[in-house]
Amino acid sequence: MKRSNAIYAIVMIGLIVTALAAAVTFSSQRPAPVVIDENATFTGNIEIEGTFRFHSIRIYENVTRIHFVLNCPGVDFDLYGRWGELPSSDVYDIIGYASGGEDFNYDYPEPGIWHLMVHSYSGIGHYDLIIEFEYE
């Protein structure tokens, strides 16, 4: 009896260690976004339909408009943005979800760090996210 309890304990510890390692691996796959302070183009590739990539921008007080263009030929990617925190498809401050890519303006954004999420609604492939600021 004692030997089977010891084997059971070893197996359970192994399962717990494996689960913890998987959790650490999963959370480390979400890299910290790089913050830009000026007009920029981000490029990326989404390899699994339904997944996403993050990018971040810093908005200064004198920015009056942000122009977003998401080019993603042949697929349907959406753009979500959130001030101060990472957006999700359920929680966001701005969204562009036209069929295909996106091309829209956002007026008088809150100053600070904005996080953007490019989400594959349908399809996989390459994208370019172009961000242009207008100032007072």
Protein backbone atom coordinates (compact mmCIF):
# COMPACT_ATOMS: atom_id res chain seq x y z
CA MET A 1 0.00 0.00 0.00
CA LYS A 2 2.72 2.48 0.90
CA ARG A 3 4.48 1.93 -2.43
CA SER A 4 1.31 2.67 -4.47
CA ASN A 5 0.72 5.86 -2.45
CA ALA A 6 4.27 7.00 -3.17
CA ILE A 7 3.84 6.28 -6.91
CA TYR A 8 0.52 8.14 -6.89
CA ALA A 9 2.17 11.14 -5.17
CA ILE A 10 5.02 11.17 -7.71
CA VAL A 11 2.58 11.01 -10.63
CA MET A 12 0.47 13.85 -9.16
CA ILE A 13 3.54 16.02 -8.59
CA GLY A 14 4.60 15.36 -12.18
CA LEU A 15 1.16 16.41 -13.47
CA ILE A 16 1.20 19.59 -11.37
CA VAL A 17 4.71 20.52 -12.57
CA THR A 18 3.66 19.88 -16.19
CA ALA A 19 0.54 22.04 -15.77
CA LEU A 20 2.55 24.87 -14.22
CA ALA A 21 5.13 24.70 -17.00
CA ALA A 22 2.35 24.86 -19.60
CA ALA A 23 0.82 27.89 -17.85
CA VAL A 24 4.17 29.70 -17.77
CA THR A 25 4.79 28.87 -21.44
CA PHE A 26 1.32 30.11 -22.44
CA SER A 27 1.63 33.40 -20.56
CA SER A 28 5.12 34.05 -21.93
CA GLN A 29 3.80 33.80 -25.50
CA ARG A 30 2.17 37.24 -25.08
CA PRO A 31 5.17 39.56 -25.50
CA ALA A 32 5.19 43.01 -23.97
CA PRO A 33 4.09 45.53 -26.61
CA VAL A 34 6.63 48.00 -27.94
CA VAL A 35 5.40 51.56 -27.48
CA ILE A 36 5.86 54.04 -30.33
CA ASP A 37 5.58 57.81 -30.04
CA GLU A 38 5.06 58.85 -33.66
CA ASN A 39 3.53 57.77 -36.96
CA ALA A 40 4.41 54.16 -37.57
CA THR A 41 3.73 50.99 -39.48
CA PHE A 42 3.57 47.69 -37.67
CA THR A 43 3.82 44.50 -39.65
CA GLY A 44 2.81 41.09 -38.49
CA ASN A 45 1.65 37.66 -39.40
CA ILE A 46 -1.25 35.70 -37.94
CA GLU A 47 -0.80 31.99 -38.46
CA ILE A 48 -3.89 30.61 -36.70
CA GLU A 49 -7.39 31.86 -37.48
CA GLY A 50 -9.05 33.48 -34.47
CA THR A 51 -5.78 34.53 -32.81
CA PHE A 52 -4.34 38.02 -32.39
CA ARG A 53 -1.23 40.21 -32.10
CA PHE A 54 -0.69 43.29 -29.89
CA HIS A 55 0.95 46.65 -30.60
CA SER A 56 1.08 49.83 -28.51
CA ILE A 57 1.30 53.56 -29.13
CA ARG A 58 1.76 56.61 -26.90
CA ILE A 59 -0.73 59.41 -27.48
CA TYR A 60 0.25 62.94 -26.42
CA GLU A 61 -2.17 65.65 -25.31
CA ASN A 62 -1.90 67.63 -28.55
CA VAL A 63 -3.06 64.70 -30.75
CA THR A 64 -6.49 65.52 -32.20
CA ARG A 65 -6.98 62.50 -34.46
CA ILE A 66 -5.53 59.06 -35.11
CA HIS A 67 -5.89 57.53 -38.54
CA PHE A 68 -5.72 53.72 -38.56
CA VAL A 69 -5.26 51.64 -41.71
CA LEU A 70 -5.07 47.86 -41.44
CA ASN A 71 -4.06 46.20 -44.71
CA CYS A 72 -4.59 42.43 -44.79
CA PRO A 73 -5.10 41.26 -48.37
CA GLY A 74 -7.42 38.32 -48.84
CA VAL A 75 -8.39 37.91 -45.17
CA ASP A 76 -10.68 39.60 -42.63
CA PHE A 77 -8.78 41.04 -39.66
CA ASP A 78 -10.30 43.41 -37.10
CA LEU A 79 -8.62 46.12 -35.02
CA TYR A 80 -9.39 46.73 -31.35
CA GLY A 81 -7.89 49.45 -29.15
CA ARG A 82 -7.94 50.20 -25.45
CA TRP A 83 -6.49 52.98 -23.34
CA GLY A 84 -4.14 51.80 -20.60
CA GLU A 85 -4.86 48.07 -20.84
CA LEU A 86 -4.81 45.29 -23.39
CA PRO A 87 -8.07 45.06 -25.33
CA SER A 88 -10.04 41.92 -26.02
CA SER A 89 -12.87 41.21 -28.43
CA ASP A 90 -15.23 41.87 -25.48
CA VAL A 91 -13.55 44.85 -23.80
CA TYR A 92 -12.24 47.74 -25.92
CA ASP A 93 -12.48 51.51 -26.38
CA ILE A 94 -12.25 51.57 -30.18
CA ILE A 95 -12.99 48.97 -32.84
CA GLY A 96 -12.68 48.63 -36.58
CA TYR A 97 -14.45 45.58 -37.93
CA ALA A 98 -15.30 46.21 -41.57
CA SER A 99 -15.06 43.26 -43.94
CA GLY A 100 -11.41 42.77 -44.94
CA GLY A 101 -9.06 45.41 -43.55
CA GLU A 102 -9.75 48.63 -41.70
CA ASP A 103 -9.51 52.35 -42.49
CA PHE A 104 -10.94 54.69 -39.88
CA ASN A 105 -10.25 57.77 -37.73
CA TYR A 106 -10.54 58.24 -34.00
CA ASP A 107 -10.93 61.85 -32.85
CA TYR A 108 -9.61 63.37 -29.62
CA PRO A 109 -8.06 60.26 -28.09
CA GLU A 110 -7.27 60.16 -24.38
CA PRO A 111 -3.54 60.85 -23.86
CA GLY A 112 -1.48 57.92 -22.62
CA ILE A 113 -0.62 54.44 -23.77
CA TRP A 114 -3.08 52.81 -26.18
CA HIS A 115 -2.85 49.09 -26.81
CA LEU A 116 -4.01 47.73 -30.16
CA MET A 117 -5.02 44.20 -31.03
CA VAL A 118 -5.11 42.85 -34.58
CA HIS A 119 -7.54 39.92 -34.50
CA SER A 120 -8.06 37.34 -37.23
CA TYR A 121 -11.80 37.19 -37.71
CA SER A 122 -11.40 35.03 -40.79
CA GLY A 123 -8.25 33.74 -42.43
CA ILE A 124 -4.54 33.82 -41.77
CA GLY A 125 -1.71 35.84 -43.24
CA HIS A 126 0.36 39.01 -43.26
CA TYR A 127 -0.85 42.48 -42.27
CA ASP A 128 0.40 46.06 -42.13
CA LEU A 129 -1.03 48.42 -39.51
CA ILE A 130 -0.42 52.05 -40.42
CA ILE A 131 -0.94 54.67 -37.72
CA GLU A 132 -0.87 58.42 -38.38
CA PHE A 133 -1.39 61.19 -35.84
CA GLU A 134 -2.88 64.65 -36.47
CA TYR A 135 -1.95 67.44 -34.04
CA GLU A 136 -3.43 70.76 -32.91
